[in-house]
């Protein structure tokens, strides 16, 4: 079972929180963002997260991973696990 299969929004609007292994963490830190995958820092403003959720809901869906901070330094993105 993949992480995206285990972490799904429930009909009640709540999310399941799961523990992941170091290998899964490393895979998430190296994900390529696109129309179906997005990473967000745990400190994301609720309004911004709402816009992202709405965009995914109005499109073909996808996976949003919270707890991955991202900084750009001279054109290179550096991600940190904060989840």
Protein backbone atom coordinates (compact mmCIF):
# COMPACT_ATOMS: atom_id res chain seq x y z
CA UNK A 1 0.00 0.00 0.00
CA UNK A 2 1.43 3.39 -0.98
CA UNK A 3 1.53 6.47 1.22
CA UNK A 4 -1.01 8.23 -0.97
CA UNK A 5 -3.39 5.29 -0.54
CA UNK A 6 -2.99 5.41 3.23
CA UNK A 7 -3.38 9.17 3.62
CA UNK A 8 -6.75 10.08 2.20
CA UNK A 9 -9.24 12.75 3.05
CA UNK A 10 -12.27 11.21 4.64
CA UNK A 11 -15.80 12.27 3.84
CA UNK A 12 -15.94 14.03 7.21
CA UNK A 13 -13.08 16.31 6.17
CA UNK A 14 -10.54 14.75 8.53
CA UNK A 15 -7.21 13.28 7.53
CA UNK A 16 -5.52 10.14 8.71
CA UNK A 17 -2.05 10.72 10.18
CA UNK A 18 0.38 7.87 9.71
CA UNK A 19 3.95 7.10 10.70
CA UNK A 20 6.34 6.59 7.82
CA UNK A 21 9.77 5.03 7.53
CA UNK A 22 12.99 6.88 6.73
CA UNK A 23 12.88 5.50 3.20
CA UNK A 24 9.36 6.80 2.64
CA UNK A 25 10.41 10.19 4.03
CA UNK A 26 13.31 10.36 1.58
CA UNK A 27 11.02 9.45 -1.31
CA UNK A 28 8.62 12.25 -0.34
CA UNK A 29 11.45 14.77 -0.08
CA UNK A 30 12.46 13.95 -3.66
CA UNK A 31 9.00 14.03 -5.26
CA UNK A 32 8.57 16.09 -8.40
CA UNK A 33 5.71 18.57 -8.04
CA UNK A 34 3.24 18.73 -10.90
CA UNK A 35 -0.51 19.01 -11.52
CA UNK A 36 -1.12 15.86 -9.45
CA UNK A 37 1.42 16.29 -6.64
CA UNK A 38 2.17 19.20 -4.32
CA UNK A 39 4.17 19.60 -1.11
CA UNK A 40 3.42 22.21 1.55
CA UNK A 41 5.10 23.30 4.77
CA UNK A 42 3.31 22.47 8.00
CA UNK A 43 3.06 26.23 8.68
CA UNK A 44 0.91 26.86 5.57
CA UNK A 45 -1.81 29.46 6.08
CA UNK A 46 -5.28 27.89 6.15
CA UNK A 47 -6.49 30.12 3.29
CA UNK A 48 -3.62 29.02 1.06
CA UNK A 49 -4.20 25.35 1.88
CA UNK A 50 -7.90 25.81 1.11
CA UNK A 51 -7.03 27.23 -2.34
CA UNK A 52 -4.75 24.26 -3.03
CA UNK A 53 -7.38 21.73 -1.90
CA UNK A 54 -10.01 23.47 -4.03
CA UNK A 55 -7.76 23.46 -7.09
CA UNK A 56 -7.09 19.73 -6.72
CA UNK A 57 -10.80 19.01 -6.14
CA UNK A 58 -11.77 20.96 -9.26
CA UNK A 59 -9.17 19.22 -11.40
CA UNK A 60 -8.29 15.55 -11.67
CA UNK A 61 -7.32 15.24 -8.00
CA UNK A 62 -3.87 14.34 -6.78
CA UNK A 63 -1.74 14.12 -3.66
CA UNK A 64 -0.89 16.95 -1.26
CA UNK A 65 1.82 16.28 1.31
CA UNK A 66 1.94 18.52 4.38
CA UNK A 67 5.08 18.81 6.47
CA UNK A 68 7.69 19.39 3.76
CA UNK A 69 9.30 22.82 3.94
CA UNK A 70 10.89 24.09 0.76
CA UNK A 71 13.47 26.84 0.27
CA UNK A 72 15.21 27.94 -2.89
CA UNK A 73 18.87 28.85 -2.74
CA UNK A 74 20.55 30.08 -5.95
CA UNK A 75 18.05 28.19 -8.11
CA UNK A 76 18.30 24.94 -6.15
CA UNK A 77 15.35 23.78 -4.07
CA UNK A 78 16.14 22.39 -0.64
CA UNK A 79 13.43 20.45 1.18
CA UNK A 80 13.23 19.71 4.88
CA UNK A 81 10.93 17.19 6.57
CA UNK A 82 8.95 18.89 9.32
CA UNK A 83 6.04 16.46 9.49
